[in-house]
Amino acid sequence: MTDDHGSDDSTEDFSEDGGGFDADDWSRLKPFTGRVATLDDVQARRAVFALGDSEDPQVIDMDLPQPVIWWDDDGEQGAVAVQAEVHAGAFGEPMEVLGLILPDGDAVVALLDDVDLVDDTDPHWRRLVDEAIDPNAANED
C-alpha cells in the first residue's frame, strides 16, 4: 500500500498551506474520482493511495470530497475523504478504502468501516477539525 504524506511541494494539486483545511473551506479539496489510482497519481499528489496487489479494483460511487469522522488508534479525528475505492482483500472479500485529508494537510488511508460520514454542519465534526487546527480550542468551551 502506498500513501502520500506531502513529500512533493512542486505540484499545484495542493494549496500552499500544505493542503490542510478548516471547517469552512474543506470543500476546496480536490477529490480523485473517475478511475482507480495508480502509483503515478500518488507521486503526482493527485491521489492519496494506490493499491497494486488487488483484483478487480473499482471506484466507490460516492460524493467527494466528503466530511468524515475517522476512528483510529488515537480516538476520533475530523477529516475529509477525497478518494474512495474498493479492492479485493486477502481472502477475496471486498475492502472499501478511503483516502483522507486531515486538517493539518496530512494524508492517510482508512477503511470505510472506520469512518462515519457526516455533514459539514455536524457540530462534533466541526469541533474535531477546530481542535486539530488549534489545540487550545478544546479548552475554550
N, C-alpha and C. Protein backbone atom coordinates (compact mmCIF):
# COMPACT_ATOMS: atom_id res chain seq x y z
N MET A 1 0.85 -1.16 0.00
CA MET A 1 0.00 0.00 0.00
C MET A 1 0.90 1.24 0.00
N THR A 2 0.59 2.17 -0.82
CA THR A 2 1.34 3.41 -0.87
C THR A 2 0.43 4.54 -0.45
N ASP A 3 0.92 5.40 0.42
CA ASP A 3 0.14 6.59 0.74
C ASP A 3 1.02 7.81 0.60
N ASP A 4 0.39 8.98 0.61
CA ASP A 4 1.10 10.23 0.34
C ASP A 4 1.10 11.09 1.58
N HIS A 5 2.25 11.55 1.95
CA HIS A 5 2.35 12.41 3.13
C HIS A 5 2.97 13.75 2.78
N GLY A 6 2.74 14.24 1.57
CA GLY A 6 3.14 15.60 1.22
C GLY A 6 4.61 15.78 0.96
N SER A 7 5.27 14.84 0.33
CA SER A 7 6.71 14.95 0.15
C SER A 7 7.11 15.75 -1.09
N ASP A 8 6.17 16.07 -1.97
CA ASP A 8 6.49 16.78 -3.20
C ASP A 8 5.79 18.13 -3.19
N ASP A 9 6.53 19.19 -2.90
CA ASP A 9 5.94 20.52 -2.80
C ASP A 9 5.87 21.24 -4.13
N SER A 10 6.26 20.59 -5.23
CA SER A 10 6.33 21.28 -6.50
C SER A 10 5.05 21.17 -7.32
N THR A 11 4.07 20.42 -6.85
CA THR A 11 2.85 20.28 -7.63
C THR A 11 1.84 21.35 -7.25
N GLU A 12 0.84 21.52 -8.10
CA GLU A 12 -0.17 22.52 -7.86
C GLU A 12 -1.46 21.92 -7.33
N ASP A 13 -1.49 20.62 -7.05
CA ASP A 13 -2.72 19.97 -6.64
C ASP A 13 -3.12 20.31 -5.21
N PHE A 14 -2.17 20.65 -4.38
CA PHE A 14 -2.47 21.04 -3.01
C PHE A 14 -2.13 22.52 -2.86
N SER A 15 -2.83 23.17 -1.94
CA SER A 15 -2.60 24.60 -1.77
C SER A 15 -1.30 24.86 -1.03
N GLU A 16 -0.89 26.11 -1.02
CA GLU A 16 0.37 26.48 -0.38
C GLU A 16 0.36 26.27 1.12
N ASP A 17 -0.82 26.14 1.73
CA ASP A 17 -0.88 25.93 3.18
C ASP A 17 -0.64 24.46 3.55
N GLY A 18 -0.18 23.67 2.60
CA GLY A 18 0.13 22.28 2.86
C GLY A 18 -1.04 21.34 2.60
N GLY A 19 -2.12 21.88 2.08
CA GLY A 19 -3.25 21.02 1.75
C GLY A 19 -4.24 20.84 2.87
N GLY A 20 -4.06 21.51 3.99
CA GLY A 20 -4.98 21.38 5.11
C GLY A 20 -6.28 22.13 4.84
N PHE A 21 -7.15 22.09 5.82
CA PHE A 21 -8.45 22.74 5.68
C PHE A 21 -8.98 23.12 7.05
N ASP A 22 -10.02 23.94 7.06
CA ASP A 22 -10.76 24.18 8.29
C ASP A 22 -12.22 23.83 8.03
N ALA A 23 -13.06 24.00 9.03
CA ALA A 23 -14.44 23.55 8.93
C ALA A 23 -15.25 24.33 7.90
N ASP A 24 -14.73 25.46 7.43
CA ASP A 24 -15.46 26.26 6.46
C ASP A 24 -14.91 26.18 5.05
N ASP A 25 -13.68 25.70 4.86
CA ASP A 25 -13.12 25.68 3.50
C ASP A 25 -12.75 24.28 3.00
N TRP A 26 -13.25 23.23 3.64
CA TRP A 26 -12.93 21.85 3.28
C TRP A 26 -13.34 21.50 1.86
N SER A 27 -14.39 22.13 1.35
CA SER A 27 -14.92 21.73 0.05
C SER A 27 -14.00 22.09 -1.11
N ARG A 28 -12.95 22.87 -0.85
CA ARG A 28 -11.99 23.20 -1.91
C ARG A 28 -11.01 22.07 -2.19
N LEU A 29 -10.98 21.06 -1.33
CA LEU A 29 -10.08 19.93 -1.54
C LEU A 29 -10.48 19.20 -2.81
N LYS A 30 -9.48 18.85 -3.62
CA LYS A 30 -9.74 18.21 -4.91
C LYS A 30 -9.84 16.70 -4.73
N PRO A 31 -10.98 16.12 -5.09
CA PRO A 31 -11.12 14.67 -4.99
C PRO A 31 -10.45 13.96 -6.17
N PHE A 32 -10.14 12.69 -5.95
CA PHE A 32 -9.64 11.84 -7.03
C PHE A 32 -10.78 10.88 -7.36
N THR A 33 -11.41 11.06 -8.52
CA THR A 33 -12.57 10.27 -8.91
C THR A 33 -12.43 9.81 -10.36
N GLY A 34 -13.33 8.92 -10.74
CA GLY A 34 -13.41 8.52 -12.14
C GLY A 34 -12.65 7.27 -12.51
N ARG A 35 -11.62 6.91 -11.74
CA ARG A 35 -10.84 5.72 -12.02
C ARG A 35 -10.04 5.35 -10.78
N VAL A 36 -9.51 4.15 -10.78
CA VAL A 36 -8.67 3.67 -9.69
C VAL A 36 -7.30 4.34 -9.81
N ALA A 37 -6.75 4.77 -8.71
CA ALA A 37 -5.47 5.49 -8.70
C ALA A 37 -4.29 4.56 -8.98
N THR A 38 -3.27 5.14 -9.56
CA THR A 38 -2.00 4.44 -9.81
C THR A 38 -0.91 5.07 -8.95
N LEU A 39 0.23 4.42 -8.91
CA LEU A 39 1.37 4.98 -8.19
C LEU A 39 1.75 6.34 -8.76
N ASP A 40 1.64 6.50 -10.08
CA ASP A 40 1.92 7.82 -10.69
C ASP A 40 1.00 8.90 -10.15
N ASP A 41 -0.27 8.55 -9.91
CA ASP A 41 -1.22 9.52 -9.34
C ASP A 41 -0.81 9.94 -7.94
N VAL A 42 -0.35 8.99 -7.15
CA VAL A 42 0.10 9.29 -5.79
C VAL A 42 1.35 10.17 -5.83
N GLN A 43 2.32 9.80 -6.67
CA GLN A 43 3.55 10.57 -6.76
C GLN A 43 3.31 11.98 -7.27
N ALA A 44 2.28 12.16 -8.11
CA ALA A 44 1.93 13.49 -8.61
C ALA A 44 0.98 14.22 -7.66
N ARG A 45 0.65 13.59 -6.52
CA ARG A 45 -0.21 14.17 -5.48
C ARG A 45 -1.64 14.41 -5.97
N ARG A 46 -2.07 13.62 -6.94
CA ARG A 46 -3.46 13.67 -7.36
C ARG A 46 -4.31 12.73 -6.52
N ALA A 47 -3.68 11.68 -5.95
CA ALA A 47 -4.38 10.67 -5.16
C ALA A 47 -3.62 10.43 -3.86
N VAL A 48 -4.33 9.92 -2.87
CA VAL A 48 -3.72 9.63 -1.57
C VAL A 48 -3.05 8.27 -1.57
N PHE A 49 -3.66 7.28 -2.24
CA PHE A 49 -3.12 5.92 -2.20
C PHE A 49 -3.31 5.23 -3.55
N ALA A 50 -2.52 4.17 -3.73
CA ALA A 50 -2.66 3.27 -4.87
C ALA A 50 -2.38 1.86 -4.35
N LEU A 51 -3.32 0.95 -4.57
CA LEU A 51 -3.15 -0.43 -4.14
C LEU A 51 -2.91 -1.27 -5.38
N GLY A 52 -1.73 -1.83 -5.49
CA GLY A 52 -1.37 -2.56 -6.70
C GLY A 52 -1.62 -4.05 -6.66
N ASP A 53 -1.81 -4.63 -5.47
CA ASP A 53 -1.90 -6.09 -5.36
C ASP A 53 -3.32 -6.57 -5.12
N SER A 54 -4.30 -5.93 -5.73
CA SER A 54 -5.68 -6.39 -5.54
C SER A 54 -6.30 -6.72 -6.88
N GLU A 55 -7.33 -7.55 -6.81
CA GLU A 55 -8.02 -7.94 -8.04
C GLU A 55 -9.31 -7.13 -8.19
N ASP A 56 -9.63 -6.79 -9.42
CA ASP A 56 -10.86 -6.10 -9.77
C ASP A 56 -11.11 -4.84 -8.93
N PRO A 57 -10.13 -3.94 -8.85
CA PRO A 57 -10.38 -2.70 -8.10
C PRO A 57 -11.41 -1.84 -8.82
N GLN A 58 -12.21 -1.13 -8.04
CA GLN A 58 -13.24 -0.25 -8.58
C GLN A 58 -13.36 1.00 -7.73
N VAL A 59 -13.87 2.05 -8.36
CA VAL A 59 -14.16 3.29 -7.65
C VAL A 59 -15.47 3.11 -6.90
N ILE A 60 -15.53 3.61 -5.67
CA ILE A 60 -16.78 3.61 -4.92
C ILE A 60 -17.57 4.84 -5.35
N ASP A 61 -18.82 4.64 -5.68
CA ASP A 61 -19.68 5.74 -6.12
C ASP A 61 -20.17 6.52 -4.90
N MET A 62 -19.49 7.62 -4.60
CA MET A 62 -19.91 8.49 -3.50
C MET A 62 -19.47 9.91 -3.81
N ASP A 63 -20.19 10.86 -3.26
CA ASP A 63 -19.84 12.26 -3.46
C ASP A 63 -18.56 12.58 -2.70
N LEU A 64 -17.61 13.16 -3.41
CA LEU A 64 -16.33 13.55 -2.81
C LEU A 64 -16.04 14.99 -3.21
N PRO A 65 -15.42 15.78 -2.38
CA PRO A 65 -14.95 15.46 -1.03
C PRO A 65 -16.12 15.29 -0.06
N GLN A 66 -15.86 14.50 0.99
CA GLN A 66 -16.89 14.14 1.95
C GLN A 66 -16.35 14.26 3.37
N PRO A 67 -16.94 15.12 4.22
CA PRO A 67 -16.51 15.18 5.62
C PRO A 67 -16.76 13.84 6.31
N VAL A 68 -15.81 13.43 7.14
CA VAL A 68 -15.93 12.18 7.90
C VAL A 68 -15.34 12.36 9.28
N ILE A 69 -15.78 11.51 10.18
CA ILE A 69 -15.10 11.34 11.46
C ILE A 69 -14.40 9.99 11.38
N TRP A 70 -13.08 10.03 11.49
CA TRP A 70 -12.25 8.84 11.36
C TRP A 70 -11.90 8.32 12.75
N TRP A 71 -12.15 7.04 12.95
CA TRP A 71 -11.84 6.38 14.22
C TRP A 71 -10.53 5.63 14.04
N ASP A 72 -9.45 6.15 14.67
CA ASP A 72 -8.16 5.48 14.58
C ASP A 72 -7.72 5.06 15.97
N ASP A 73 -6.49 4.59 16.11
CA ASP A 73 -5.99 4.11 17.40
C ASP A 73 -5.94 5.20 18.46
N ASP A 74 -5.84 6.46 18.05
CA ASP A 74 -5.75 7.57 18.99
C ASP A 74 -7.11 8.17 19.33
N GLY A 75 -8.19 7.62 18.80
CA GLY A 75 -9.51 8.17 19.05
C GLY A 75 -10.15 8.59 17.75
N GLU A 76 -10.85 9.71 17.78
CA GLU A 76 -11.55 10.16 16.59
C GLU A 76 -10.95 11.47 16.09
N GLN A 77 -10.99 11.63 14.76
CA GLN A 77 -10.45 12.83 14.12
C GLN A 77 -11.39 13.28 13.03
N GLY A 78 -11.52 14.59 12.88
CA GLY A 78 -12.26 15.14 11.76
C GLY A 78 -11.37 15.08 10.54
N ALA A 79 -11.92 14.66 9.41
CA ALA A 79 -11.16 14.52 8.18
C ALA A 79 -12.09 14.73 7.00
N VAL A 80 -11.51 14.71 5.80
CA VAL A 80 -12.30 14.79 4.57
C VAL A 80 -11.83 13.69 3.64
N ALA A 81 -12.77 12.86 3.18
CA ALA A 81 -12.46 11.81 2.21
C ALA A 81 -12.36 12.44 0.83
N VAL A 82 -11.25 12.15 0.12
CA VAL A 82 -11.05 12.68 -1.23
C VAL A 82 -10.86 11.58 -2.26
N GLN A 83 -10.85 10.32 -1.81
CA GLN A 83 -10.65 9.19 -2.70
C GLN A 83 -11.38 7.99 -2.09
N ALA A 84 -12.06 7.19 -2.92
CA ALA A 84 -12.80 6.04 -2.43
C ALA A 84 -12.74 4.91 -3.45
N GLU A 85 -12.19 3.77 -3.03
CA GLU A 85 -12.05 2.62 -3.91
C GLU A 85 -12.39 1.34 -3.15
N VAL A 86 -12.79 0.33 -3.88
CA VAL A 86 -13.00 -1.00 -3.30
C VAL A 86 -12.02 -1.95 -3.97
N HIS A 87 -11.35 -2.75 -3.14
CA HIS A 87 -10.35 -3.71 -3.61
C HIS A 87 -10.65 -5.06 -2.97
N ALA A 88 -10.23 -6.13 -3.63
CA ALA A 88 -10.39 -7.47 -3.06
C ALA A 88 -9.35 -7.65 -1.96
N GLY A 89 -9.82 -8.08 -0.79
CA GLY A 89 -8.92 -8.33 0.32
C GLY A 89 -8.17 -9.64 0.15
N ALA A 90 -7.43 -10.05 1.17
CA ALA A 90 -6.59 -11.25 1.11
C ALA A 90 -7.39 -12.51 0.81
N PHE A 91 -8.63 -12.57 1.26
CA PHE A 91 -9.45 -13.76 1.04
C PHE A 91 -10.56 -13.50 0.04
N GLY A 92 -10.41 -12.46 -0.77
CA GLY A 92 -11.38 -12.15 -1.80
C GLY A 92 -12.53 -11.28 -1.36
N GLU A 93 -12.63 -10.98 -0.06
CA GLU A 93 -13.72 -10.13 0.41
C GLU A 93 -13.43 -8.68 0.02
N PRO A 94 -14.47 -7.91 -0.25
CA PRO A 94 -14.25 -6.51 -0.65
C PRO A 94 -13.71 -5.68 0.52
N MET A 95 -12.76 -4.84 0.21
CA MET A 95 -12.16 -3.94 1.19
C MET A 95 -12.37 -2.51 0.67
N GLU A 96 -13.24 -1.76 1.34
CA GLU A 96 -13.55 -0.39 0.92
C GLU A 96 -12.57 0.56 1.59
N VAL A 97 -11.80 1.26 0.75
CA VAL A 97 -10.68 2.06 1.22
C VAL A 97 -10.90 3.52 0.86
N LEU A 98 -10.59 4.42 1.81
CA LEU A 98 -10.72 5.86 1.59
C LEU A 98 -9.37 6.53 1.73
N GLY A 99 -9.15 7.55 0.93
CA GLY A 99 -8.02 8.45 1.11
C GLY A 99 -8.55 9.68 1.82
N LEU A 100 -7.98 9.98 2.98
CA LEU A 100 -8.44 11.09 3.81
C LEU A 100 -7.40 12.19 3.87
N ILE A 101 -7.88 13.41 3.96
CA ILE A 101 -7.03 14.56 4.25
C ILE A 101 -7.40 15.04 5.65
N LEU A 102 -6.39 15.22 6.50
CA LEU A 102 -6.59 15.73 7.85
C LEU A 102 -6.48 17.25 7.84
N PRO A 103 -7.00 17.91 8.86
CA PRO A 103 -6.95 19.38 8.88
C PRO A 103 -5.55 19.97 8.70
N ASP A 104 -4.50 19.26 9.15
CA ASP A 104 -3.14 19.79 9.02
C ASP A 104 -2.54 19.51 7.64
N GLY A 105 -3.30 18.84 6.76
CA GLY A 105 -2.83 18.56 5.41
C GLY A 105 -2.24 17.18 5.24
N ASP A 106 -2.04 16.43 6.33
CA ASP A 106 -1.55 15.06 6.19
C ASP A 106 -2.59 14.22 5.47
N ALA A 107 -2.12 13.25 4.72
CA ALA A 107 -2.99 12.32 4.02
C ALA A 107 -2.86 10.95 4.68
N VAL A 108 -3.99 10.27 4.89
CA VAL A 108 -3.99 8.95 5.50
C VAL A 108 -4.95 8.04 4.72
N VAL A 109 -4.74 6.74 4.90
CA VAL A 109 -5.60 5.74 4.28
C VAL A 109 -6.40 5.08 5.39
N ALA A 110 -7.71 4.95 5.16
CA ALA A 110 -8.58 4.35 6.17
C ALA A 110 -9.60 3.45 5.48
N LEU A 111 -10.11 2.50 6.23
CA LEU A 111 -11.20 1.67 5.74
C LEU A 111 -12.51 2.42 5.93
N LEU A 112 -13.43 2.24 5.00
CA LEU A 112 -14.74 2.88 5.11
C LEU A 112 -15.42 2.49 6.41
N ASP A 113 -15.19 1.27 6.90
CA ASP A 113 -15.77 0.82 8.17
C ASP A 113 -15.26 1.63 9.36
N ASP A 114 -14.14 2.33 9.21
CA ASP A 114 -13.54 3.07 10.32
C ASP A 114 -13.89 4.56 10.30
N VAL A 115 -14.87 4.94 9.48
CA VAL A 115 -15.28 6.35 9.43
C VAL A 115 -16.80 6.45 9.53
N ASP A 116 -17.24 7.59 10.02
CA ASP A 116 -18.65 7.96 9.97
C ASP A 116 -18.77 9.09 8.97
N LEU A 117 -19.63 8.94 7.97
CA LEU A 117 -19.89 10.01 7.02
C LEU A 117 -20.78 11.03 7.72
N VAL A 118 -20.39 12.31 7.64
CA VAL A 118 -21.15 13.36 8.31
C VAL A 118 -21.36 14.53 7.36
N ASP A 119 -22.18 15.43 7.77
CA ASP A 119 -22.42 16.68 7.06
C ASP A 119 -21.47 17.73 7.64
N ASP A 120 -21.09 18.73 6.85
CA ASP A 120 -20.17 19.74 7.36
C ASP A 120 -20.79 20.63 8.43
N THR A 121 -22.09 20.49 8.67
CA THR A 121 -22.72 21.24 9.76
C THR A 121 -22.71 20.45 11.07
N ASP A 122 -22.25 19.21 11.04
CA ASP A 122 -22.20 18.37 12.24
C ASP A 122 -21.31 19.05 13.29
N PRO A 123 -21.87 19.39 14.44
CA PRO A 123 -21.08 20.13 15.45
C PRO A 123 -19.89 19.33 15.98
N HIS A 124 -20.02 18.02 16.05
CA HIS A 124 -18.91 17.20 16.54
C HIS A 124 -17.75 17.21 15.55
N TRP A 125 -18.05 17.04 14.25
CA TRP A 125 -17.01 17.10 13.22
C TRP A 125 -16.33 18.48 13.24
N ARG A 126 -17.11 19.55 13.31
CA ARG A 126 -16.56 20.90 13.32
C ARG A 126 -15.64 21.10 14.53
N ARG A 127 -16.04 20.57 15.70
CA ARG A 127 -15.21 20.70 16.90
C ARG A 127 -13.91 19.94 16.73
N LEU A 128 -13.98 18.71 16.18
CA LEU A 128 -12.76 17.93 15.96
C LEU A 128 -11.80 18.64 15.01
N VAL A 129 -12.33 19.24 13.95
CA VAL A 129 -11.50 19.97 12.99
C VAL A 129 -10.89 21.19 13.67
N ASP A 130 -11.71 21.96 14.40
CA ASP A 130 -11.21 23.16 15.08
C ASP A 130 -10.11 22.81 16.09
N GLU A 131 -10.30 21.72 16.84
CA GLU A 131 -9.30 21.31 17.83
C GLU A 131 -8.02 20.81 17.17
N ALA A 132 -8.13 20.22 15.99
CA ALA A 132 -6.93 19.76 15.28
C ALA A 132 -6.11 20.95 14.79
N ILE A 133 -6.79 22.01 14.40
CA ILE A 133 -6.11 23.21 13.93
C ILE A 133 -5.53 23.99 15.10
N ASP A 134 -6.32 24.13 16.18
CA ASP A 134 -5.92 24.89 17.36
C ASP A 134 -6.22 24.07 18.60
N PRO A 135 -5.23 23.34 19.14
CA PRO A 135 -5.48 22.50 20.32
C PRO A 135 -6.04 23.29 21.50
N ASN A 136 -5.81 24.58 21.57
CA ASN A 136 -6.37 25.39 22.65
C ASN A 136 -7.87 25.55 22.54
N ALA A 137 -8.43 25.28 21.36
CA ALA A 137 -9.89 25.39 21.17
C ALA A 137 -10.63 24.43 22.07
N ALA A 138 -10.01 23.32 22.45
CA ALA A 138 -10.66 22.34 23.33
C ALA A 138 -10.90 22.92 24.71
N ASN A 139 -10.09 23.90 25.11
CA ASN A 139 -10.22 24.49 26.45
C ASN A 139 -11.09 25.74 26.46
N GLU A 140 -11.60 26.14 25.30
CA GLU A 140 -12.34 27.39 25.22
C GLU A 140 -13.84 27.20 25.43
N ASP A 141 -14.29 25.99 25.68
CA ASP A 141 -15.74 25.75 25.85
C ASP A 141 -16.22 26.19 27.19
